[in-house]
Protein backbone atom coordinates (compact mmCIF):
# COMPACT_ATOMS: atom_id res chain seq x y z
CA MET A 1 30.31 -40.59 187.03
CA GLU A 2 32.34 -43.73 186.29
CA MET A 3 33.85 -44.73 182.81
CA THR A 4 31.67 -47.88 182.39
CA ASP A 5 28.38 -45.61 182.74
CA LEU A 6 29.53 -42.81 180.71
CA LYS A 7 30.51 -45.86 177.99
CA ALA A 8 27.15 -46.89 178.45
CA ALA A 9 25.26 -43.54 178.53
CA ILE A 10 27.49 -43.06 175.01
CA ASP A 11 26.49 -45.89 173.41
CA ASP A 12 22.63 -45.76 174.17
CA TYR A 13 23.14 -42.26 172.51
CA THR A 14 24.47 -43.32 169.37
CA ASP A 15 21.96 -46.35 169.04
CA THR A 16 19.48 -44.12 169.49
CA ALA A 17 20.70 -41.35 166.60
CA GLU A 18 21.79 -44.28 164.27
CA MET A 19 17.61 -45.36 164.89
CA GLY A 20 16.16 -42.21 163.72
CA LEU A 21 18.31 -41.19 160.52
CA MET A 22 17.46 -44.65 159.87
CA GLU A 23 14.19 -43.90 160.11
CA VAL A 24 14.84 -40.55 158.29
CA ARG A 25 16.38 -42.60 155.12
CA SER A 26 13.92 -45.26 155.07
CA ARG A 27 10.95 -41.78 155.19
CA LEU A 28 12.86 -40.59 151.80
CA ASP A 29 13.10 -43.52 149.93
CA GLY A 30 9.37 -44.31 150.35
CA LEU A 31 8.84 -40.57 149.36
CA GLU A 32 11.18 -40.96 146.28
CA THR A 33 9.79 -43.98 145.17
CA ARG A 34 6.68 -42.75 144.96
CA LEU A 35 7.63 -39.48 143.22
CA GLY A 36 8.99 -41.74 140.65
CA ARG A 37 5.62 -43.55 140.15
CA PRO A 38 3.99 -42.59 136.37
CA GLY A 39 1.77 -40.05 137.10
CA SER A 40 2.85 -38.51 139.96
CA ALA A 41 2.10 -35.26 141.35
CA GLY A 42 6.13 -34.86 141.48
CA THR A 43 6.93 -36.26 137.89
CA ILE A 44 3.68 -36.09 135.62
CA THR A 45 5.88 -36.27 132.57
CA PRO A 46 4.15 -35.15 128.95
CA GLU A 47 4.10 -38.73 127.67
CA TYR A 48 2.01 -39.24 130.64
CA SER A 49 -0.45 -36.67 130.43
CA ALA A 50 -1.33 -37.31 126.27
CA GLU A 51 -1.96 -40.77 126.97
CA HIS A 52 -4.22 -40.16 130.03
CA LYS A 53 -5.78 -37.09 127.95
CA SER A 54 -6.35 -39.15 125.28
CA ALA A 55 -7.69 -42.32 127.07
CA PHE A 56 -10.02 -39.40 128.67
CA LEU A 57 -10.92 -38.57 125.75
CA GLN A 58 -11.03 -40.70 123.02
CA GLY A 59 -11.65 -43.72 125.26
CA PHE A 60 -13.74 -42.77 128.02
CA MET A 61 -15.73 -39.97 127.14
CA LYS A 62 -15.92 -40.79 123.02
CA LYS A 63 -16.66 -44.84 124.21
CA GLY A 64 -17.59 -44.99 127.65
CA ASP A 65 -14.43 -47.22 127.52
CA MET A 66 -12.40 -47.43 131.16
CA ASP A 67 -9.90 -49.91 130.42
CA GLY A 68 -7.43 -46.93 128.96
CA LEU A 69 -7.91 -44.91 132.02
CA LYS A 70 -7.97 -48.20 134.41
CA ALA A 71 -4.48 -49.43 133.27
CA LEU A 72 -2.78 -45.92 133.19
CA GLU A 73 -3.93 -45.16 136.81
CA SER A 74 -2.54 -49.08 137.63
CA LYS A 75 0.42 -47.98 136.51
CA ALA A 76 0.23 -45.19 138.62
CA LEU A 77 -1.01 -47.00 141.62
CA SER A 78 -3.64 -44.28 142.17
CA THR A 79 -7.29 -43.92 140.50
CA SER A 80 -9.65 -40.82 139.75
CA SER A 81 -12.62 -42.74 139.43
CA ASP A 82 -15.72 -42.60 141.82
CA SER A 83 -18.05 -45.55 143.00
CA ASP A 84 -20.97 -43.83 141.42
CA GLY A 85 -18.53 -43.85 137.72
CA GLY A 86 -17.69 -40.38 137.61
CA VAL A 87 -14.02 -39.81 136.55
CA ALA A 88 -11.55 -37.11 137.23
CA VAL A 89 -10.86 -34.68 134.00
CA PRO A 90 -6.66 -35.44 133.30
CA LEU A 91 -5.27 -32.99 134.89
CA VAL A 92 -3.65 -31.63 131.99
CA ILE A 93 -7.71 -30.70 131.27
CA ASP A 94 -7.98 -29.74 134.85
CA ASN A 95 -5.28 -27.14 135.16
CA GLU A 96 -6.83 -25.47 131.63
CA ILE A 97 -10.58 -25.27 133.17
CA GLU A 98 -8.41 -23.67 136.09
CA LYS A 99 -6.72 -20.73 133.71
CA GLN A 100 -10.17 -20.27 132.70
CA LEU A 101 -12.69 -19.94 135.91
CA ARG A 102 -9.39 -17.87 136.97
CA VAL A 103 -9.53 -15.23 134.20
CA LEU A 104 -13.71 -15.64 134.22
CA SER A 105 -14.42 -14.70 137.53
CA PRO A 106 -12.78 -11.91 138.31
CA LEU A 107 -13.53 -12.77 142.20
CA ARG A 108 -11.54 -15.74 142.26
CA SER A 109 -8.77 -14.00 141.45
CA ILE A 110 -8.35 -12.03 144.25
CA VAL A 111 -10.02 -14.23 147.10
CA LYS A 112 -7.81 -16.74 148.93
CA VAL A 113 -8.48 -20.27 147.00
CA LYS A 114 -7.69 -23.34 149.43
CA THR A 115 -7.52 -27.04 147.70
CA VAL A 116 -9.07 -30.02 150.04
CA ASP A 117 -9.01 -33.36 149.05
CA GLY A 118 -12.29 -34.61 151.16
CA GLY A 119 -14.65 -32.97 154.16
CA ASN A 120 -15.13 -29.78 154.80
CA TYR A 121 -12.36 -27.02 155.75
CA ARG A 122 -12.23 -25.86 159.24
CA ARG A 123 -10.04 -23.31 161.01
CA LEU A 124 -10.44 -20.87 163.66
CA VAL A 125 -9.68 -17.80 163.47
CA ASN A 126 -8.43 -15.05 165.74
CA THR A 127 -10.50 -12.17 166.34
CA GLY A 128 -8.97 -10.86 170.14
CA GLY A 129 -5.43 -10.83 169.57
CA THR A 130 -2.30 -11.98 171.77
CA ALA A 131 -1.57 -9.58 174.40
CA SER A 132 1.92 -8.64 174.83
CA GLY A 133 4.20 -6.03 176.63
CA TRP A 134 7.67 -5.09 177.75
CA VAL A 135 9.62 -6.20 180.21
CA GLY A 136 13.38 -5.75 181.85
CA GLU A 137 15.82 -8.81 181.75
CA THR A 138 14.59 -9.25 185.17
CA GLY A 139 11.30 -7.54 185.42
CA ALA A 140 8.30 -10.00 186.75
CA ARG A 141 6.10 -11.64 183.02
CA THR A 142 2.51 -10.90 184.27
CA GLU A 143 0.08 -12.78 182.71
CA THR A 144 -1.33 -11.83 179.73
CA ALA A 145 -5.01 -11.81 178.13
CA THR A 146 -5.68 -14.88 176.06
CA PRO A 147 -6.84 -14.51 172.40
CA SER A 148 -10.72 -14.97 171.83
CA LEU A 149 -10.85 -18.10 168.63
CA GLU A 150 -14.07 -18.13 166.66
CA LYS A 151 -14.43 -21.41 164.51
CA VAL A 152 -15.17 -20.87 160.98
CA GLU A 153 -16.54 -24.12 158.68
CA ILE A 154 -16.72 -24.39 154.86
CA GLU A 155 -19.02 -26.69 153.42
CA PRO A 156 -18.23 -27.00 148.92
CA GLY A 157 -21.28 -27.60 147.61
CA GLU A 158 -21.44 -28.79 143.63
CA ILE A 159 -21.76 -27.08 140.95
CA TYR A 160 -22.34 -28.67 137.33
CA ALA A 161 -23.15 -28.68 133.91
CA ASN A 162 -24.83 -31.17 132.18
CA ALA A 163 -24.02 -31.67 128.48
CA ALA A 164 -26.00 -34.74 126.17
CA ALA A 165 -25.00 -35.78 122.92
CA THR A 166 -26.16 -38.12 120.59
CA GLN A 167 -23.74 -41.58 120.26
CA ARG A 168 -23.75 -40.51 116.44
CA ALA A 169 -22.47 -37.56 117.32
CA LEU A 170 -19.60 -38.74 119.60
CA ASP A 171 -18.42 -41.64 116.63
CA ASP A 172 -18.45 -38.76 114.49
CA MET A 173 -16.49 -36.59 116.24
CA GLN A 174 -19.19 -33.52 116.08
CA PHE A 175 -19.18 -33.38 119.82
CA ASP A 176 -15.66 -31.83 121.43
CA ALA A 177 -15.45 -32.40 124.44
CA GLU A 178 -12.46 -31.03 125.31
CA ALA A 179 -13.52 -27.58 124.27
CA TRP A 180 -16.65 -28.42 126.12
CA LEU A 181 -14.80 -28.43 129.30
CA ASN A 182 -12.56 -25.83 128.74
CA GLU A 183 -15.20 -23.08 127.03
CA GLU A 184 -18.53 -24.28 127.91
CA VAL A 185 -18.30 -25.45 131.98
CA ALA A 186 -15.29 -23.17 132.46
CA GLU A 187 -17.78 -20.07 132.21
CA GLU A 188 -20.83 -21.64 133.51
CA PHE A 189 -18.54 -22.84 136.97
CA ALA A 190 -17.06 -18.97 136.74
CA ALA A 191 -20.70 -17.31 136.21
CA GLN A 192 -22.06 -19.71 139.05
CA GLU A 193 -19.02 -19.25 141.43
CA GLY A 194 -19.14 -15.34 141.09
CA ALA A 195 -22.67 -15.14 141.60
CA ALA A 196 -22.04 -17.14 144.99
CA ILE A 197 -19.22 -15.22 146.58
CA VAL A 198 -20.75 -12.16 145.84
CA ASN A 199 -24.78 -13.22 146.82
CA GLY A 200 -24.61 -17.07 147.98
CA ASN A 201 -26.90 -18.25 150.90
CA GLY A 202 -24.41 -20.59 151.70
CA THR A 203 -26.50 -23.87 151.07
CA ASN A 204 -24.87 -26.03 148.55
CA LYS A 205 -23.00 -23.24 147.29
CA PRO A 206 -20.64 -20.14 148.82
CA LYS A 207 -21.99 -18.05 151.42
CA GLY A 208 -21.74 -14.28 149.44
CA PHE A 209 -19.79 -11.50 151.49
CA LEU A 210 -22.44 -9.25 151.20
CA THR A 211 -24.87 -11.57 152.46
CA TYR A 212 -23.91 -11.09 156.14
CA THR A 213 -25.09 -8.79 158.70
CA THR A 214 -23.18 -5.37 158.56
CA SER A 215 -23.16 -2.31 160.96
CA THR A 216 -21.66 1.35 161.14
CA ASP A 217 -19.66 0.00 164.35
CA ASP A 218 -15.82 -0.34 164.13
CA ASP A 219 -13.59 -2.75 164.52
CA ASP A 220 -13.12 -3.42 167.66
CA ALA A 221 -16.86 -3.16 168.42
CA ARG A 222 -18.92 -5.34 165.82
CA THR A 223 -19.55 -9.28 166.89
CA PHE A 224 -17.74 -11.71 164.45
CA GLY A 225 -19.25 -12.44 161.12
CA GLU A 226 -20.87 -8.79 160.52
CA VAL A 227 -18.95 -6.39 158.19
CA GLN A 228 -18.91 -2.39 158.75
CA HIS A 229 -20.81 0.31 155.92
CA VAL A 230 -20.13 3.27 155.37
CA ILE A 231 -23.47 5.42 154.48
CA THR A 232 -23.46 7.79 151.66
CA GLY A 233 -25.16 9.91 153.28
CA ALA A 234 -28.16 10.06 150.47
CA ASP A 235 -30.75 7.41 150.13
CA GLY A 236 -29.99 5.35 146.41
CA ALA A 237 -27.20 8.04 145.16
CA PHE A 238 -24.06 9.14 146.17
CA PRO A 239 -23.64 12.96 148.27
CA ALA A 240 -24.77 15.32 146.00
CA SER A 241 -21.69 17.90 146.66
CA ASP A 242 -17.84 16.06 146.73
CA PRO A 243 -19.31 12.47 146.21
CA ALA A 244 -15.77 11.75 145.84
CA ASP A 245 -14.78 12.00 149.56
CA ILE A 246 -17.47 9.08 150.35
CA LEU A 247 -14.76 6.74 148.85
CA ILE A 248 -11.74 8.30 150.73
CA ASP A 249 -13.58 7.58 154.05
CA LEU A 250 -14.77 4.23 152.79
CA VAL A 251 -10.97 3.58 152.29
CA HIS A 252 -9.90 5.02 155.54
CA ALA A 253 -12.48 2.56 157.38
CA LEU A 254 -10.06 0.03 156.81
CA SER A 255 -7.28 -0.77 158.73
CA ALA A 256 -3.87 0.30 157.09
CA ARG A 257 -2.81 -2.80 158.09
CA TYR A 258 -4.97 -4.24 155.19
CA ARG A 259 -4.84 -1.35 152.99
CA ALA A 260 -1.47 -3.25 150.84
CA GLY A 261 -3.11 -5.41 149.00
CA ALA A 262 -6.72 -4.19 149.04
CA ARG A 263 -8.90 -3.45 145.73
CA PHE A 264 -12.29 -2.29 145.14
CA VAL A 265 -15.14 -3.90 144.09
CA MET A 266 -18.29 -2.97 142.11
CA ASN A 267 -20.28 -3.64 138.90
CA SER A 268 -19.66 -1.67 135.63
CA LYS A 269 -22.75 0.81 135.98
CA THR A 270 -21.76 1.83 139.51
CA LEU A 271 -17.83 2.22 138.25
CA ALA A 272 -19.58 4.14 134.95
CA MET A 273 -20.76 6.91 137.68
CA VAL A 274 -17.63 6.52 139.81
CA ARG A 275 -15.38 7.29 136.56
CA LYS A 276 -16.58 11.03 136.11
CA PHE A 277 -15.63 11.92 139.72
CA LYS A 278 -12.90 14.64 140.14
CA ASP A 279 -10.69 15.66 143.44
CA ALA A 280 -10.46 19.28 144.54
CA ASP A 281 -7.89 20.33 141.41
CA GLY A 282 -10.36 18.88 139.05
CA ASN A 283 -8.41 15.40 138.28
CA PHE A 284 -10.35 12.23 137.87
CA ILE A 285 -9.76 9.71 140.56
CA TRP A 286 -9.75 7.09 138.24
CA ARG A 287 -7.00 5.99 136.17
CA ALA A 288 -6.45 3.79 133.22
CA GLY A 289 -3.65 1.16 133.58
CA LEU A 290 -0.65 2.07 132.25
CA SER A 291 0.29 -0.44 130.34
CA GLU A 292 -0.99 -4.18 129.32
CA GLY A 293 -1.70 -6.24 132.29
CA GLN A 294 -1.80 -3.29 135.21
CA PRO A 295 -5.53 -2.96 136.26
CA ASP A 296 -7.38 0.29 136.45
CA THR A 297 -7.32 2.03 139.78
CA LEU A 298 -9.41 4.31 141.93
CA LEU A 299 -8.11 6.50 144.44
CA GLY A 300 -4.30 4.11 143.57
CA TYR A 301 -6.19 1.17 144.46
CA PRO A 302 -7.18 -1.43 141.80
CA VAL A 303 -10.46 -1.80 140.79
CA VAL A 304 -12.30 -5.25 139.77
CA GLU A 305 -15.69 -5.24 137.44
CA ALA A 306 -18.05 -7.56 139.35
CA GLU A 307 -21.75 -7.51 137.51
CA ASP A 308 -22.84 -9.86 140.67
CA MET A 309 -22.40 -6.10 142.45
CA PRO A 310 -25.79 -4.92 143.12
CA ASP A 311 -26.53 -1.45 141.19
CA VAL A 312 -26.94 1.94 143.25
CA ALA A 313 -30.07 1.67 144.75
CA SER A 314 -31.98 2.69 148.08
CA GLY A 315 -30.14 0.90 150.67
CA SER A 316 -27.65 -1.47 148.34
CA LEU A 317 -24.08 -2.27 149.16
CA SER A 318 -23.15 -1.57 145.55
CA ILE A 319 -19.63 -0.55 146.28
CA ALA A 320 -16.69 -3.16 148.59
CA PHE A 321 -13.27 -1.78 149.42
CA GLY A 322 -11.02 -4.66 151.21
CA ASN A 323 -8.06 -6.92 151.29
CA PHE A 324 -9.98 -9.64 149.64
CA GLU A 325 -7.72 -12.42 149.72
CA ARG A 326 -7.39 -11.68 154.16
CA ALA A 327 -11.29 -11.25 153.97
CA TYR A 328 -12.49 -14.00 152.18
CA THR A 329 -11.37 -17.91 151.39
CA LEU A 330 -12.93 -20.19 148.73
CA VAL A 331 -12.13 -23.67 149.36
CA GLU A 332 -12.89 -26.06 146.64
CA ARG A 333 -12.52 -30.21 146.52
CA SER A 334 -9.26 -30.89 143.97
CA GLY A 335 -10.61 -31.62 140.26
CA THR A 336 -13.91 -32.06 137.78
CA ARG A 337 -15.38 -34.45 137.79
CA VAL A 338 -16.94 -36.54 135.20
CA LEU A 339 -20.38 -38.66 134.73
CA ARG A 340 -20.87 -40.35 131.56
CA ASP A 341 -24.52 -41.64 131.47
CA PRO A 342 -25.80 -42.89 128.01
CA TYR A 343 -29.20 -44.81 129.90
CA THR A 344 -30.90 -42.18 131.29
CA ASN A 345 -32.08 -40.15 127.71
CA LYS A 346 -31.41 -42.67 125.03
CA PRO A 347 -29.96 -42.17 122.43
CA TYR A 348 -28.24 -39.51 123.86
CA VAL A 349 -25.44 -39.79 126.23
CA HIS A 350 -25.28 -37.28 129.24
CA PHE A 351 -21.90 -35.48 130.14
CA TYR A 352 -22.29 -34.51 133.94
CA ALA A 353 -19.57 -32.20 135.05
CA THR A 354 -19.09 -31.45 138.57
CA ARG A 355 -17.07 -29.20 140.59
CA ARG A 356 -17.53 -29.39 144.72
CA VAL A 357 -16.47 -25.49 145.75
CA GLY A 358 -17.51 -23.82 149.16
CA GLY A 359 -16.97 -20.07 150.56
CA ALA A 360 -17.24 -18.43 152.96
CA LEU A 361 -16.21 -14.62 155.17
CA VAL A 362 -12.84 -15.68 157.83
CA ASN A 363 -11.81 -11.89 158.37
CA ASP A 364 -14.36 -9.40 158.72
CA ASP A 365 -12.26 -6.82 159.47
CA ALA A 366 -10.49 -6.78 156.12
CA LEU A 367 -13.61 -5.77 154.16
CA LYS A 368 -15.31 -2.70 154.17
CA LEU A 369 -19.12 -1.35 152.07
CA LEU A 370 -20.61 1.23 150.80
CA LYS A 371 -24.31 1.18 151.85
CA PHE A 372 -26.58 3.78 149.43
CA ALA A 373 -28.56 5.17 152.36
CA ALA A 374 -30.18 8.43 154.29
CA ALA A 375 -28.68 6.91 157.93
């Protein structure tokens, strides 16, 4: 290559590199500008949070006044209102609702929670694995089998709560909107959500993990979306002798790669039965948490009490064991929204709070169920 050609090539490379750096710098400048706006996700100041909370509670909730919220949102170059008049709950209140949901809904704290901005949640699940092999430096690389992929789509449904107060009560501050959102709404949402994660039919709500088809087939023999169950051998009961052994069978039905992070889920009545079981040496297989904040354990695994799990009965699936974070995904649209309606039922002002949530089983290998049946 002649010197002139080499110089031209170097000049072209330099120009391209400089253009790339300028583009990166431009993107960074734009990102810093967005993060510097009031109320942006990166710089939500205490002053802005307090202003937003006051405008929401004192302006919108009490008087139906949107001016304060719109003024704040225009500074933040964002909007929290829907075309139907719904308003997003301020982040400082919504975070408290999230905390209450995690406390009140034991299952939310163990499943995977994904937040989406809009539409349905879709993901591909690898059900067949990717084949591989060993080879030397110069050995032939034979073609491996392709993985089997299944599509999971979760459509969020809508949980709602609808409170009513007269305008006089609002004027006299007899209706505590913040307490209603943080306590009543959060508690109701948690109850509905917990019930749906276990038994929901998937129509406008999460699909419960107990509503899927079950079989005794091992992981490599079941169809996708089918959950393996272990049979107790006694109809509607634990085995008459050595009942704790069936729980050991349940644990080892789960692949070892999922046991780290696995836990038992059952209701309090079933747990009362299990807590009385002893091993061959006469020791209780249930252990209380040694300190505050540590969970109770069964055979060394944490236990979660979920009252929506069924009581022990003929053919019931009363105990679940698995890595729920790997097995189940809960999807929610970001934030709680409130619609203020002073017209439908005068003289009452209705506050219609909503939260969009969906859920489904995404990995049936990571979950096992105990079925109380003879065969």
